[in-house]
Amino acid sequence: EPIINNDNGRVTISCETEGASIGFKVVENGEKAQKYWEVYKNTIELPKGAKLLVQAHRIGYKPSETVQIQ
């Protein structure tokens, strides 16, 4: 599972699985989630009212559940 820390809209994400990649999607209020995941590299500035979808994955492992925060 991804570990998400939201500090007043400044979001950091990590994962305990060594070598896992973290994908995310920012969904603005009233919009649909984009088709493709972005690869997490640095802190995300989450706009007010937006949702964040996060999933961790490592080749050869089962992907994590998608975690959502607002």
C-alpha atoms as a PDB file:
ATOM      1  CA  GLU A   1       0.000   0.000   0.000  1.00  0.00           C
ATOM      2  CA  PRO A   2       1.205   3.529  -0.712  1.00  0.00           C
ATOM      3  CA  ILE A   3       1.842   5.733   2.311  1.00  0.00           C
ATOM      4  CA  ILE A   4       0.382   9.210   1.766  1.00  0.00           C
ATOM      5  CA  ASN A   5       1.142  12.304   3.820  1.00  0.00           C
ATOM      6  CA  ASN A   6      -1.026  15.376   3.109  1.00  0.00           C
ATOM      7  CA  ASP A   7       0.244  18.549   4.769  1.00  0.00           C
ATOM      8  CA  ASN A   8      -2.280  21.265   3.793  1.00  0.00           C
ATOM      9  CA  GLY A   9      -2.328  20.245   0.115  1.00  0.00           C
ATOM     10  CA  ARG A  10       1.394  19.384  -0.127  1.00  0.00           C
ATOM     11  CA  VAL A  11       1.325  15.620  -0.656  1.00  0.00           C
ATOM     12  CA  THR A  12       4.245  13.219  -0.321  1.00  0.00           C
ATOM     13  CA  ILE A  13       3.939   9.524  -1.144  1.00  0.00           C
ATOM     14  CA  SER A  14       6.119   6.532  -0.303  1.00  0.00           C
ATOM     15  CA  CYS A  15       5.909   2.742  -0.301  1.00  0.00           C
ATOM     16  CA  GLU A  16       7.583   0.139   1.892  1.00  0.00           C
ATOM     17  CA  THR A  17       8.087  -2.235  -1.062  1.00  0.00           C
ATOM     18  CA  GLU A  18      11.635  -1.660  -2.263  1.00  0.00           C
ATOM     19  CA  GLY A  19      11.775  -0.906  -5.988  1.00  0.00           C
ATOM     20  CA  ALA A  20       8.064  -0.131  -6.311  1.00  0.00           C
ATOM     21  CA  SER A  21       6.909   2.670  -8.591  1.00  0.00           C
ATOM     22  CA  ILE A  22       4.114   4.960  -7.474  1.00  0.00           C
ATOM     23  CA  GLY A  23       1.517   6.184  -9.925  1.00  0.00           C
ATOM     24  CA  PHE A  24      -0.941   8.997  -9.278  1.00  0.00           C
ATOM     25  CA  LYS A  25      -3.820  10.886 -10.854  1.00  0.00           C
ATOM     26  CA  VAL A  26      -5.110  14.301  -9.770  1.00  0.00           C
ATOM     27  CA  VAL A  27      -8.842  14.634 -10.425  1.00  0.00           C
ATOM     28  CA  GLU A  28     -10.120  18.191 -10.304  1.00  0.00           C
ATOM     29  CA  ASN A  29     -13.610  18.819  -8.937  1.00  0.00           C
ATOM     30  CA  GLY A  30     -16.233  17.680 -11.468  1.00  0.00           C
ATOM     31  CA  GLU A  31     -13.763  16.086 -13.898  1.00  0.00           C
ATOM     32  CA  LYS A  32     -13.144  12.437 -14.804  1.00  0.00           C
ATOM     33  CA  ALA A  33      -9.850  10.724 -13.964  1.00  0.00           C
ATOM     34  CA  GLN A  34      -7.386  10.745 -16.834  1.00  0.00           C
ATOM     35  CA  LYS A  35      -6.703   7.412 -18.534  1.00  0.00           C
ATOM     36  CA  TYR A  36      -2.978   7.234 -17.739  1.00  0.00           C
ATOM     37  CA  TRP A  37      -1.065   7.328 -14.460  1.00  0.00           C
ATOM     38  CA  GLU A  38       1.718   9.841 -13.800  1.00  0.00           C
ATOM     39  CA  VAL A  39       4.863   8.553 -12.071  1.00  0.00           C
ATOM     40  CA  TYR A  40       5.400  10.134  -8.657  1.00  0.00           C
ATOM     41  CA  LYS A  41       8.801  11.817  -8.240  1.00  0.00           C
ATOM     42  CA  ASN A  42       8.338  14.849  -5.975  1.00  0.00           C
ATOM     43  CA  THR A  43       5.857  16.542  -3.667  1.00  0.00           C
ATOM     44  CA  ILE A  44       2.459  17.132  -5.304  1.00  0.00           C
ATOM     45  CA  GLU A  45       0.552  20.380  -4.812  1.00  0.00           C
ATOM     46  CA  LEU A  46      -3.049  19.152  -4.568  1.00  0.00           C
ATOM     47  CA  PRO A  47      -5.542  21.852  -5.641  1.00  0.00           C
ATOM     48  CA  LYS A  48      -8.334  22.622  -3.191  1.00  0.00           C
ATOM     49  CA  GLY A  49     -11.329  20.320  -3.799  1.00  0.00           C
ATOM     50  CA  ALA A  50      -9.330  17.879  -5.974  1.00  0.00           C
ATOM     51  CA  LYS A  51      -8.988  14.128  -5.399  1.00  0.00           C
ATOM     52  CA  LEU A  52      -5.723  12.225  -5.552  1.00  0.00           C
ATOM     53  CA  LEU A  53      -5.668   8.587  -6.699  1.00  0.00           C
ATOM     54  CA  VAL A  54      -2.502   6.637  -5.856  1.00  0.00           C
ATOM     55  CA  GLN A  55      -1.324   3.115  -6.682  1.00  0.00           C
ATOM     56  CA  ALA A  56       2.004   1.384  -6.019  1.00  0.00           C
ATOM     57  CA  HIS A  57       3.317  -1.301  -8.344  1.00  0.00           C
ATOM     58  CA  ARG A  58       6.465  -3.343  -8.789  1.00  0.00           C
ATOM     59  CA  ILE A  59       7.070  -5.696 -11.692  1.00  0.00           C
ATOM     60  CA  GLY A  60       6.472  -9.268 -10.562  1.00  0.00           C
ATOM     61  CA  TYR A  61       4.233  -8.172  -7.683  1.00  0.00           C
ATOM     62  CA  LYS A  62       0.500  -7.595  -7.491  1.00  0.00           C
ATOM     63  CA  PRO A  63      -0.363  -3.851  -7.746  1.00  0.00           C
ATOM     64  CA  SER A  64      -1.673  -2.228  -4.576  1.00  0.00           C
ATOM     65  CA  GLU A  65      -5.270  -1.177  -4.204  1.00  0.00           C
ATOM     66  CA  THR A  66      -5.927   2.340  -5.442  1.00  0.00           C
ATOM     67  CA  VAL A  67      -5.927   4.760  -2.516  1.00  0.00           C
ATOM     68  CA  GLN A  68      -7.897   8.017  -2.747  1.00  0.00           C
ATOM     69  CA  ILE A  69      -7.593  11.197  -0.694  1.00  0.00           C
ATOM     70  CA  GLN A  70      -9.234  14.618  -0.944  1.00  0.00           C
END
